[in-house]
Amino acid sequence: MGSMSLMHWLIVGVLVILLFGGSRFSNMMGDVAKGIKQFKKGMAEDDDAVKPAAPTRLEGKPAPETGFQAEAERTREEQR
């Protein structure tokens, strides 16, 4: 009773085609395919976004500090 057999799915499919008609159903499936393609394209564009480069050492000097590290260093200097 809980699982649907192949015959059940065939009946459901025939009812859907009768209700929506063949051309309307194929148009809906085409729209679904376009939506999936647009979603994949959008996801690929997010992956291609340029990420900022991490600070590096230049000429033997330490990398510049950013964020909380820089703020903590300024606070220490002000306290001296």
Protein backbone atom coordinates (compact mmCIF):
# COMPACT_ATOMS: atom_id res chain seq x y z
CA MET A 1 0.00 0.00 0.00
CA GLY A 2 2.86 2.41 0.83
CA SER A 3 4.87 2.02 -2.38
CA MET A 4 3.73 2.93 -5.86
CA SER A 5 4.12 0.34 -8.61
CA LEU A 6 4.97 1.03 -12.25
CA MET A 7 1.28 0.82 -13.18
CA HIS A 8 0.44 3.57 -10.68
CA TRP A 9 3.08 5.87 -12.16
CA LEU A 10 1.86 5.20 -15.70
CA ILE A 11 -1.70 6.12 -14.71
CA VAL A 12 -0.49 9.30 -13.01
CA GLY A 13 1.55 10.20 -16.11
CA VAL A 14 -1.41 9.69 -18.44
CA LEU A 15 -3.63 11.83 -16.19
CA VAL A 16 -1.06 14.63 -16.12
CA ILE A 17 -0.77 14.61 -19.92
CA LEU A 18 -4.56 14.61 -20.28
CA LEU A 19 -4.95 17.52 -17.85
CA PHE A 20 -2.15 19.70 -19.18
CA GLY A 21 -2.05 18.58 -22.81
CA GLY A 22 1.07 17.43 -24.65
CA SER A 23 2.35 20.82 -25.83
CA ARG A 24 1.75 22.56 -22.51
CA PHE A 25 3.55 19.80 -20.64
CA SER A 26 6.56 19.92 -22.99
CA ASN A 27 6.68 23.72 -22.66
CA MET A 28 6.75 23.42 -18.88
CA MET A 29 9.58 20.88 -19.03
CA GLY A 30 11.51 23.20 -21.38
CA ASP A 31 11.10 26.04 -18.87
CA VAL A 32 12.36 23.78 -16.09
CA ALA A 33 15.42 22.88 -18.18
CA LYS A 34 16.14 26.59 -18.85
CA GLY A 35 15.86 27.32 -15.14
CA ILE A 36 18.33 24.57 -14.29
CA LYS A 37 20.79 25.88 -16.90
CA GLN A 38 20.52 29.43 -15.52
CA PHE A 39 21.06 28.13 -11.99
CA LYS A 40 24.20 26.24 -13.03
CA LYS A 41 25.48 29.31 -14.90
CA GLY A 42 24.91 31.48 -11.83
CA MET A 43 26.73 29.03 -9.60
CA ALA A 44 29.69 28.91 -12.00
CA GLU A 45 29.89 32.73 -12.04
CA ASP A 46 30.08 32.78 -8.23
CA ASP A 47 33.02 30.37 -8.31
CA ASP A 48 34.86 32.51 -10.87
CA ALA A 49 34.67 35.65 -8.71
CA VAL A 50 38.07 37.13 -7.99
CA LYS A 51 39.17 36.53 -4.44
CA PRO A 52 41.48 39.09 -2.81
CA ALA A 53 45.06 37.94 -2.53
CA ALA A 54 46.47 37.32 0.91
CA PRO A 55 49.18 39.74 2.08
CA THR A 56 52.68 38.52 1.33
CA ARG A 57 56.15 39.35 2.56
CA LEU A 58 58.00 41.94 0.54
CA GLU A 59 61.75 42.51 0.73
CA GLY A 60 62.12 40.48 3.93
CA LYS A 61 59.61 42.61 5.84
CA PRO A 62 56.59 41.02 7.53
CA ALA A 63 53.26 41.20 5.77
CA PRO A 64 51.11 44.20 6.65
CA GLU A 65 48.64 43.47 9.42
CA THR A 66 44.94 43.73 8.75
CA GLY A 67 41.74 43.74 10.75
CA PHE A 68 41.96 42.96 14.45
CA GLN A 69 45.73 42.49 14.39
CA ALA A 70 46.33 46.03 13.14
CA GLU A 71 43.86 47.47 15.67
CA ALA A 72 45.51 45.59 18.54
CA GLU A 73 48.95 46.82 17.45
CA ARG A 74 47.76 50.46 17.31
CA THR A 75 46.22 50.12 20.79
CA ARG A 76 49.50 48.76 22.19
CA GLU A 77 51.45 51.64 20.66
CA GLU A 78 49.04 54.21 22.06
CA GLN A 79 49.37 52.74 25.55
CA ARG A 80 53.17 53.09 25.53
